[in-house]
Protein backbone atom coordinates (compact mmCIF):
# COMPACT_ATOMS: atom_id res chain seq x y z
CA MET A 1 -166.60 161.94 -29.12
CA GLY A 2 -166.95 158.58 -27.41
CA SER A 3 -169.78 156.47 -26.22
CA PRO A 4 -170.95 156.99 -22.64
CA ASN A 5 -171.04 153.20 -22.25
CA PRO A 6 -167.94 152.31 -20.12
CA PRO A 7 -166.85 149.13 -21.91
CA TYR A 8 -166.89 150.97 -25.22
CA ARG A 9 -165.22 154.11 -23.91
CA GLU A 10 -162.52 152.44 -21.82
CA THR A 11 -161.53 149.67 -24.20
CA GLY A 12 -162.06 151.31 -27.57
CA MET A 13 -164.76 148.81 -28.47
CA ARG A 14 -166.86 151.34 -30.38
CA VAL A 15 -164.58 150.69 -33.36
CA PHE A 16 -164.73 146.90 -33.25
CA GLY A 17 -168.14 146.32 -31.69
CA LEU A 18 -169.13 144.53 -28.53
CA TYR A 19 -168.42 140.98 -29.74
CA PRO A 20 -164.65 140.93 -29.03
CA TRP A 21 -165.35 142.20 -25.50
CA TRP A 22 -167.76 139.36 -24.76
CA ALA A 23 -165.49 136.86 -26.48
CA PHE A 24 -162.66 137.94 -24.19
CA CYS A 25 -164.92 137.63 -21.13
CA ILE A 26 -166.07 134.14 -22.13
CA TYR A 27 -162.48 133.13 -22.82
CA PHE A 28 -161.35 134.44 -19.44
CA ILE A 29 -164.16 132.60 -17.63
CA ASN A 30 -163.60 129.32 -19.50
CA MET A 31 -159.81 129.37 -19.20
CA LYS A 32 -159.97 127.40 -15.95
CA SER A 33 -162.24 124.79 -17.50
CA PHE A 34 -159.93 124.50 -20.49
CA LYS A 35 -156.92 124.04 -18.21
CA LYS A 36 -158.77 121.27 -16.35
CA LEU A 37 -159.61 119.58 -19.65
CA LEU A 38 -156.02 119.91 -20.84
CA ASN A 39 -154.66 118.48 -17.59
CA TRP A 40 -157.09 115.56 -17.89
CA LEU A 41 -156.12 114.91 -21.50
CA VAL A 42 -152.40 115.05 -20.78
CA GLY A 43 -152.50 113.25 -17.43
CA GLU A 44 -155.26 110.69 -17.53
CA MET A 45 -155.43 110.10 -21.27
CA LEU A 46 -151.68 110.03 -21.87
CA TRP A 47 -151.69 106.25 -22.11
CA VAL A 48 -154.27 106.42 -24.92
CA ILE A 49 -152.09 108.86 -26.85
CA VAL A 50 -149.04 106.63 -26.31
CA VAL A 51 -150.95 103.54 -27.46
CA PHE A 52 -152.14 105.28 -30.63
CA VAL A 53 -148.62 106.52 -31.39
CA PHE A 54 -147.15 103.04 -30.96
CA LEU A 55 -149.96 101.52 -33.04
CA GLY A 56 -149.20 103.98 -35.81
CA ILE A 57 -145.49 103.19 -35.66
CA GLY A 58 -146.24 99.47 -35.66
CA MET A 59 -148.52 99.77 -38.69
CA ALA A 60 -145.92 101.80 -40.56
CA LEU A 61 -143.21 99.26 -39.75
CA THR A 62 -145.47 96.41 -40.85
CA LEU A 63 -146.14 98.09 -44.19
CA TYR A 64 -142.44 98.84 -44.67
CA ILE A 65 -141.40 95.26 -43.85
CA ASN A 66 -144.07 93.88 -46.18
CA TRP A 67 -142.82 96.14 -48.96
CA LEU A 68 -139.20 95.22 -48.21
CA PHE A 69 -139.79 91.46 -48.33
CA GLU A 70 -142.18 91.46 -51.29
CA PRO A 71 -139.57 89.92 -53.67
CA ALA A 72 -138.72 87.24 -51.10
CA LYS A 73 -142.41 86.37 -50.73
CA GLU A 74 -142.73 86.02 -54.51
CA ILE A 75 -139.66 83.78 -54.70
CA LEU A 76 -140.91 81.62 -51.83
CA GLY A 77 -144.30 81.40 -53.53
CA LEU A 78 -142.68 80.30 -56.79
CA ILE A 79 -140.63 77.67 -54.94
CA GLY A 80 -143.82 76.41 -53.32
CA LEU A 81 -145.54 76.21 -56.71
CA LEU A 82 -142.50 74.37 -58.10
CA ILE A 83 -142.63 71.80 -55.30
CA ILE A 84 -146.39 71.31 -55.73
CA GLY A 85 -146.04 70.97 -59.51
CA VAL A 86 -143.16 68.52 -59.29
CA SER A 87 -144.97 66.39 -56.72
CA PHE A 88 -148.09 66.40 -58.93
CA TRP A 89 -146.33 65.48 -62.18
CA TYR A 90 -143.38 63.39 -61.04
CA GLY A 91 -144.39 61.96 -57.69
CA SER A 92 -143.60 62.93 -54.14
CA ASP A 93 -140.07 61.43 -54.05
CA LEU A 94 -138.64 64.09 -56.36
CA ALA A 95 -140.57 66.79 -54.48
CA ASP A 96 -139.05 65.57 -51.21
CA ASP A 97 -135.59 65.82 -52.76
CA ILE A 98 -136.28 69.42 -53.83
CA LYS A 99 -137.54 70.26 -50.32
CA LYS A 100 -134.34 68.84 -48.82
CA GLN A 101 -132.23 71.04 -51.10
CA TRP A 102 -134.05 74.21 -50.04
């Protein structure tokens, strides 16, 4: 009927093999180590997680603001080119007048 080996007979491991039994034993033994690691990660390394989260939010905001003000940057660049061109072709007096208007 069943195997005379107690772990097989008592836990029904003859159907699944011995590997789940040993996996459960290793898991049970290492559970304390895992809890220590988890406590260390949450407690001592929490500031690292917070810093990375805020860095990610900051990078996302920077990209969004850059995308939002892209037309303004182009307009300001064109105004700068206009001032440089006017000062080159017509002298700096007219360029100073344009700068005063903006």
